[in-house]
N, C-alpha and C. Protein backbone atom coordinates (compact mmCIF):
# COMPACT_ATOMS: atom_id res chain seq x y z
N MET A 1 0.81 -1.19 0.00
CA MET A 1 0.00 0.00 0.00
C MET A 1 0.86 1.27 0.00
N ALA A 2 1.96 1.23 0.74
CA ALA A 2 2.87 2.37 0.80
C ALA A 2 3.50 2.61 -0.57
N TRP A 3 3.79 1.53 -1.30
CA TRP A 3 4.35 1.64 -2.63
C TRP A 3 3.41 2.40 -3.56
N PHE A 4 2.10 2.19 -3.46
CA PHE A 4 1.11 2.85 -4.29
C PHE A 4 1.13 4.35 -4.03
N HIS A 5 1.20 4.76 -2.76
CA HIS A 5 1.23 6.19 -2.43
C HIS A 5 2.53 6.82 -2.89
N CYS A 6 3.62 6.07 -2.86
CA CYS A 6 4.91 6.58 -3.31
C CYS A 6 4.88 6.82 -4.82
N ARG A 7 4.33 5.87 -5.59
CA ARG A 7 4.21 6.03 -7.05
C ARG A 7 3.33 7.22 -7.39
N LYS A 8 2.27 7.40 -6.61
CA LYS A 8 1.35 8.51 -6.84
C LYS A 8 2.09 9.85 -6.62
N ALA A 9 2.91 9.92 -5.57
CA ALA A 9 3.67 11.13 -5.27
C ALA A 9 4.70 11.41 -6.36
N VAL A 10 5.34 10.35 -6.87
CA VAL A 10 6.33 10.52 -7.94
C VAL A 10 5.66 11.04 -9.21
N ARG A 11 4.52 10.49 -9.55
CA ARG A 11 3.79 10.95 -10.75
C ARG A 11 3.34 12.41 -10.59
N ALA A 12 2.90 12.78 -9.42
CA ALA A 12 2.50 14.17 -9.17
C ALA A 12 3.70 15.10 -9.33
N ALA A 13 4.85 14.69 -8.81
CA ALA A 13 6.07 15.49 -8.93
C ALA A 13 6.49 15.62 -10.39
N GLN A 14 6.37 14.53 -11.15
CA GLN A 14 6.71 14.57 -12.57
C GLN A 14 5.78 15.53 -13.32
N ALA A 15 4.52 15.51 -12.97
CA ALA A 15 3.57 16.40 -13.63
C ALA A 15 3.89 17.86 -13.34
N ILE A 16 4.29 18.15 -12.11
CA ILE A 16 4.64 19.53 -11.74
C ILE A 16 5.89 19.98 -12.48
N VAL A 17 6.90 19.14 -12.53
CA VAL A 17 8.14 19.47 -13.23
C VAL A 17 7.86 19.67 -14.72
N LEU A 18 7.07 18.79 -15.31
CA LEU A 18 6.75 18.89 -16.74
C LEU A 18 5.99 20.17 -17.04
N SER A 19 5.02 20.50 -16.21
CA SER A 19 4.26 21.73 -16.46
C SER A 19 5.14 22.96 -16.29
N SER A 20 6.10 22.91 -15.37
CA SER A 20 7.03 24.03 -15.19
C SER A 20 7.91 24.20 -16.41
N LEU A 21 8.37 23.10 -16.98
CA LEU A 21 9.21 23.16 -18.18
C LEU A 21 8.43 23.69 -19.37
N VAL A 22 7.21 23.26 -19.52
CA VAL A 22 6.38 23.71 -20.64
C VAL A 22 6.11 25.20 -20.52
N SER A 23 5.78 25.66 -19.32
CA SER A 23 5.49 27.09 -19.16
C SER A 23 6.75 27.93 -19.34
N ALA A 24 7.91 27.40 -18.98
CA ALA A 24 9.16 28.13 -19.16
C ALA A 24 9.53 28.25 -20.62
N CYS A 25 9.14 27.28 -21.43
CA CYS A 25 9.49 27.28 -22.85
C CYS A 25 8.45 28.01 -23.70
N SER A 26 7.30 28.31 -23.15
CA SER A 26 6.27 28.96 -23.95
C SER A 26 6.60 30.44 -24.10
N PRO A 27 6.17 31.06 -25.22
CA PRO A 27 6.49 32.46 -25.46
C PRO A 27 5.78 33.37 -24.44
N GLU A 28 6.43 34.48 -24.14
CA GLU A 28 5.87 35.43 -23.17
C GLU A 28 4.70 36.20 -23.78
N GLU A 29 4.83 36.57 -25.04
CA GLU A 29 3.80 37.37 -25.68
C GLU A 29 2.78 36.46 -26.34
N PRO A 30 1.51 36.89 -26.36
CA PRO A 30 0.50 36.07 -27.02
C PRO A 30 0.75 36.00 -28.52
N VAL A 31 0.44 34.89 -29.11
CA VAL A 31 0.65 34.68 -30.53
C VAL A 31 -0.49 35.33 -31.30
N GLU A 32 -0.15 36.10 -32.35
CA GLU A 32 -1.18 36.72 -33.17
C GLU A 32 -1.86 35.67 -34.02
N ILE A 33 -3.16 35.76 -34.10
CA ILE A 33 -3.94 34.84 -34.91
C ILE A 33 -4.30 35.54 -36.20
N GLU A 34 -4.06 34.89 -37.30
CA GLU A 34 -4.40 35.46 -38.60
C GLU A 34 -5.91 35.39 -38.77
N VAL A 35 -6.53 36.53 -39.02
CA VAL A 35 -7.98 36.58 -39.13
C VAL A 35 -8.47 36.60 -40.57
N SER A 36 -7.56 36.78 -41.50
CA SER A 36 -7.95 36.84 -42.90
C SER A 36 -7.41 35.63 -43.65
N THR A 37 -8.18 35.18 -44.62
CA THR A 37 -7.72 34.08 -45.45
C THR A 37 -6.95 34.57 -46.66
N VAL A 38 -6.99 35.88 -46.93
CA VAL A 38 -6.25 36.46 -48.04
C VAL A 38 -4.81 36.63 -47.59
N THR A 39 -3.87 36.16 -48.41
CA THR A 39 -2.47 36.19 -48.00
C THR A 39 -1.86 37.59 -48.07
N ASP A 40 -2.29 38.41 -49.01
CA ASP A 40 -1.72 39.75 -49.14
C ASP A 40 -2.85 40.74 -49.39
N GLU A 41 -3.10 41.61 -48.43
CA GLU A 41 -4.14 42.62 -48.57
C GLU A 41 -3.55 44.01 -48.73
N GLY A 42 -2.28 44.09 -49.05
CA GLY A 42 -1.65 45.38 -49.26
C GLY A 42 -0.92 45.87 -48.04
N PRO A 43 -0.32 47.05 -48.14
CA PRO A 43 0.49 47.56 -47.04
C PRO A 43 -0.31 47.87 -45.78
N TYR A 44 -1.57 48.23 -45.93
CA TYR A 44 -2.41 48.56 -44.78
C TYR A 44 -3.76 47.86 -44.89
N GLY A 45 -3.76 46.64 -45.33
CA GLY A 45 -5.00 45.90 -45.52
C GLY A 45 -5.58 45.36 -44.23
N GLY A 46 -6.90 45.22 -44.22
CA GLY A 46 -7.56 44.56 -43.11
C GLY A 46 -8.12 45.46 -42.03
N TYR A 47 -8.14 46.76 -42.23
CA TYR A 47 -8.65 47.66 -41.21
C TYR A 47 -10.08 48.07 -41.49
N SER A 48 -10.70 48.70 -40.49
CA SER A 48 -12.09 49.15 -40.62
C SER A 48 -12.15 50.48 -41.37
N VAL A 49 -13.35 50.84 -41.81
CA VAL A 49 -13.55 52.11 -42.48
C VAL A 49 -13.13 53.25 -41.56
N ARG A 50 -13.46 53.16 -40.29
CA ARG A 50 -13.12 54.21 -39.32
C ARG A 50 -11.61 54.41 -39.24
N TRP A 51 -10.84 53.31 -39.24
CA TRP A 51 -9.38 53.41 -39.18
C TRP A 51 -8.86 54.13 -40.41
N TYR A 52 -9.37 53.76 -41.59
CA TYR A 52 -8.92 54.40 -42.83
C TYR A 52 -9.34 55.87 -42.86
N LYS A 53 -10.50 56.19 -42.30
CA LYS A 53 -10.98 57.57 -42.31
C LYS A 53 -10.02 58.48 -41.54
N THR A 54 -9.54 58.03 -40.40
CA THR A 54 -8.67 58.89 -39.60
C THR A 54 -7.26 58.97 -40.18
N ARG A 55 -6.92 58.08 -41.10
CA ARG A 55 -5.58 58.08 -41.72
C ARG A 55 -5.68 58.28 -43.24
N TRP A 56 -6.65 59.08 -43.66
CA TRP A 56 -6.95 59.19 -45.08
C TRP A 56 -5.82 59.82 -45.89
N LYS A 57 -4.99 60.64 -45.28
CA LYS A 57 -3.92 61.30 -46.04
C LYS A 57 -2.72 60.41 -46.26
N SER A 58 -2.47 59.46 -45.38
CA SER A 58 -1.23 58.69 -45.47
C SER A 58 -1.48 57.22 -45.79
N GLU A 59 -1.78 56.42 -44.77
CA GLU A 59 -1.93 54.99 -44.97
C GLU A 59 -3.04 54.63 -45.95
N THR A 60 -4.17 55.34 -45.85
CA THR A 60 -5.30 55.04 -46.73
C THR A 60 -4.98 55.34 -48.18
N THR A 61 -4.28 56.44 -48.42
CA THR A 61 -3.89 56.78 -49.79
C THR A 61 -2.99 55.70 -50.37
N GLU A 62 -2.03 55.25 -49.57
CA GLU A 62 -1.11 54.20 -50.03
C GLU A 62 -1.84 52.88 -50.28
N GLN A 63 -2.78 52.54 -49.40
CA GLN A 63 -3.56 51.32 -49.57
C GLN A 63 -4.41 51.38 -50.84
N ARG A 64 -5.01 52.52 -51.11
CA ARG A 64 -5.84 52.67 -52.33
C ARG A 64 -5.00 52.54 -53.59
N ARG A 65 -3.79 53.10 -53.57
CA ARG A 65 -2.89 52.95 -54.73
C ARG A 65 -2.56 51.48 -54.96
N TRP A 66 -2.26 50.76 -53.89
CA TRP A 66 -1.95 49.34 -53.99
C TRP A 66 -3.15 48.58 -54.57
N CYS A 67 -4.35 48.91 -54.10
CA CYS A 67 -5.56 48.23 -54.57
C CYS A 67 -5.79 48.48 -56.06
N ARG A 68 -5.55 49.70 -56.51
CA ARG A 68 -5.74 50.01 -57.94
C ARG A 68 -4.78 49.22 -58.82
N ARG A 69 -3.57 48.99 -58.34
CA ARG A 69 -2.59 48.21 -59.11
C ARG A 69 -2.98 46.73 -59.20
N GLN A 70 -3.70 46.23 -58.20
CA GLN A 70 -4.06 44.81 -58.17
C GLN A 70 -5.12 44.45 -59.21
N GLN A 71 -6.10 45.31 -59.38
CA GLN A 71 -7.19 45.08 -60.31
C GLN A 71 -7.77 43.68 -60.19
N SER A 72 -8.03 43.25 -58.96
CA SER A 72 -8.55 41.91 -58.74
C SER A 72 -10.07 41.91 -58.68
N GLU A 73 -10.66 40.83 -59.11
CA GLU A 73 -12.11 40.63 -59.03
C GLU A 73 -12.36 39.38 -58.22
N PRO A 74 -13.20 39.35 -57.26
CA PRO A 74 -13.89 40.52 -56.71
C PRO A 74 -12.93 41.38 -55.90
N VAL A 75 -13.32 42.62 -55.71
CA VAL A 75 -12.49 43.57 -54.98
C VAL A 75 -12.42 43.16 -53.52
N MET A 76 -11.22 43.20 -52.94
CA MET A 76 -11.04 42.83 -51.53
C MET A 76 -11.76 43.80 -50.61
N GLN A 77 -12.24 43.30 -49.49
CA GLN A 77 -12.93 44.15 -48.52
C GLN A 77 -12.04 45.26 -48.00
N SER A 78 -10.75 44.99 -47.82
CA SER A 78 -9.84 46.04 -47.34
C SER A 78 -9.76 47.18 -48.35
N CYS A 79 -9.86 46.87 -49.64
CA CYS A 79 -9.84 47.93 -50.66
C CYS A 79 -11.13 48.75 -50.63
N VAL A 80 -12.24 48.08 -50.42
CA VAL A 80 -13.52 48.78 -50.30
C VAL A 80 -13.50 49.69 -49.07
N ASN A 81 -13.04 49.16 -47.94
CA ASN A 81 -12.97 49.95 -46.70
C ASN A 81 -12.04 51.14 -46.85
N ALA A 82 -10.89 50.95 -47.51
CA ALA A 82 -9.95 52.05 -47.71
C ALA A 82 -10.56 53.14 -48.57
N ASP A 83 -11.28 52.76 -49.61
CA ASP A 83 -11.90 53.74 -50.50
C ASP A 83 -12.97 54.54 -49.77
N ILE A 84 -13.83 53.86 -49.03
CA ILE A 84 -14.88 54.54 -48.27
C ILE A 84 -14.26 55.43 -47.20
N GLY A 85 -13.28 54.91 -46.48
CA GLY A 85 -12.63 55.69 -45.42
C GLY A 85 -11.93 56.92 -45.96
N TRP A 86 -11.28 56.80 -47.12
CA TRP A 86 -10.60 57.94 -47.73
C TRP A 86 -11.61 59.04 -48.05
N LYS A 87 -12.72 58.65 -48.67
CA LYS A 87 -13.75 59.64 -49.04
C LYS A 87 -14.35 60.29 -47.80
N GLN A 88 -14.63 59.50 -46.77
CA GLN A 88 -15.19 60.05 -45.54
C GLN A 88 -14.20 60.97 -44.83
N GLY A 89 -12.94 60.59 -44.79
CA GLY A 89 -11.92 61.41 -44.14
C GLY A 89 -11.69 62.71 -44.86
N TRP A 90 -11.69 62.66 -46.19
CA TRP A 90 -11.49 63.86 -46.99
C TRP A 90 -12.66 64.82 -46.81
N GLY A 91 -13.87 64.28 -46.70
CA GLY A 91 -15.06 65.13 -46.59
C GLY A 91 -15.41 65.57 -45.19
N ASP A 92 -14.73 65.07 -44.18
CA ASP A 92 -15.05 65.38 -42.79
C ASP A 92 -14.17 66.52 -42.29
N PRO A 93 -14.77 67.65 -41.85
CA PRO A 93 -13.96 68.77 -41.38
C PRO A 93 -13.11 68.46 -40.15
N THR A 94 -13.46 67.42 -39.39
CA THR A 94 -12.62 67.08 -38.23
C THR A 94 -11.33 66.39 -38.65
N THR A 95 -11.32 65.70 -39.77
CA THR A 95 -10.10 65.06 -40.25
C THR A 95 -9.46 65.84 -41.41
N ASN A 96 -10.22 66.73 -42.04
CA ASN A 96 -9.71 67.55 -43.14
C ASN A 96 -10.30 68.95 -43.00
N PRO A 97 -9.77 69.74 -42.06
CA PRO A 97 -10.36 71.07 -41.83
C PRO A 97 -10.18 71.97 -43.05
N PRO A 98 -11.13 72.89 -43.24
CA PRO A 98 -11.02 73.82 -44.39
C PRO A 98 -9.83 74.75 -44.21
N ARG A 99 -9.27 75.19 -45.33
CA ARG A 99 -8.12 76.10 -45.28
C ARG A 99 -8.55 77.55 -45.05
N LYS A 100 -9.82 77.82 -45.37
CA LYS A 100 -10.35 79.17 -45.18
C LYS A 100 -11.72 79.05 -44.52
N TRP A 101 -12.04 80.09 -43.75
CA TRP A 101 -13.37 80.15 -43.16
C TRP A 101 -14.36 80.57 -44.23
N GLU A 102 -15.64 80.43 -43.94
CA GLU A 102 -16.68 80.78 -44.92
C GLU A 102 -16.62 82.24 -45.33
N ASP A 103 -16.13 83.11 -44.43
CA ASP A 103 -16.04 84.54 -44.76
C ASP A 103 -14.79 84.86 -45.58
N GLY A 104 -13.96 83.86 -45.88
CA GLY A 104 -12.78 84.06 -46.71
C GLY A 104 -11.49 84.28 -45.94
N SER A 105 -11.58 84.42 -44.62
CA SER A 105 -10.36 84.63 -43.84
C SER A 105 -9.56 83.33 -43.70
N GLU A 106 -8.27 83.48 -43.52
CA GLU A 106 -7.38 82.33 -43.42
C GLU A 106 -7.45 81.73 -42.02
N LEU A 107 -7.22 80.43 -41.95
CA LEU A 107 -7.13 79.76 -40.66
C LEU A 107 -5.78 80.04 -40.03
N ASP A 108 -5.72 80.02 -38.72
CA ASP A 108 -4.45 80.22 -38.02
C ASP A 108 -3.53 79.05 -38.20
């Protein structure tokens, strides 16, 4: 009977040591999971319309150029989002303020 308890203790110790080794070898940072099945969506592919809207002058412009060069059918969702976001960002005074006031005076 004592032998059974001893084997049980040894197995428990082995399990603890093994779990410690596994946790020590695992990466510290979480692994990114690929959410898209498309292998290449361009330099800034895969973002929402809102993301593209706030970056309409830089990243969105570059993404739209990349999409135009691809000429793929059907058009990728990231290209559609970039196009919509660019138009919304360009037309929104909070992301593209006017250079002159309505009375013609210059902005500071």
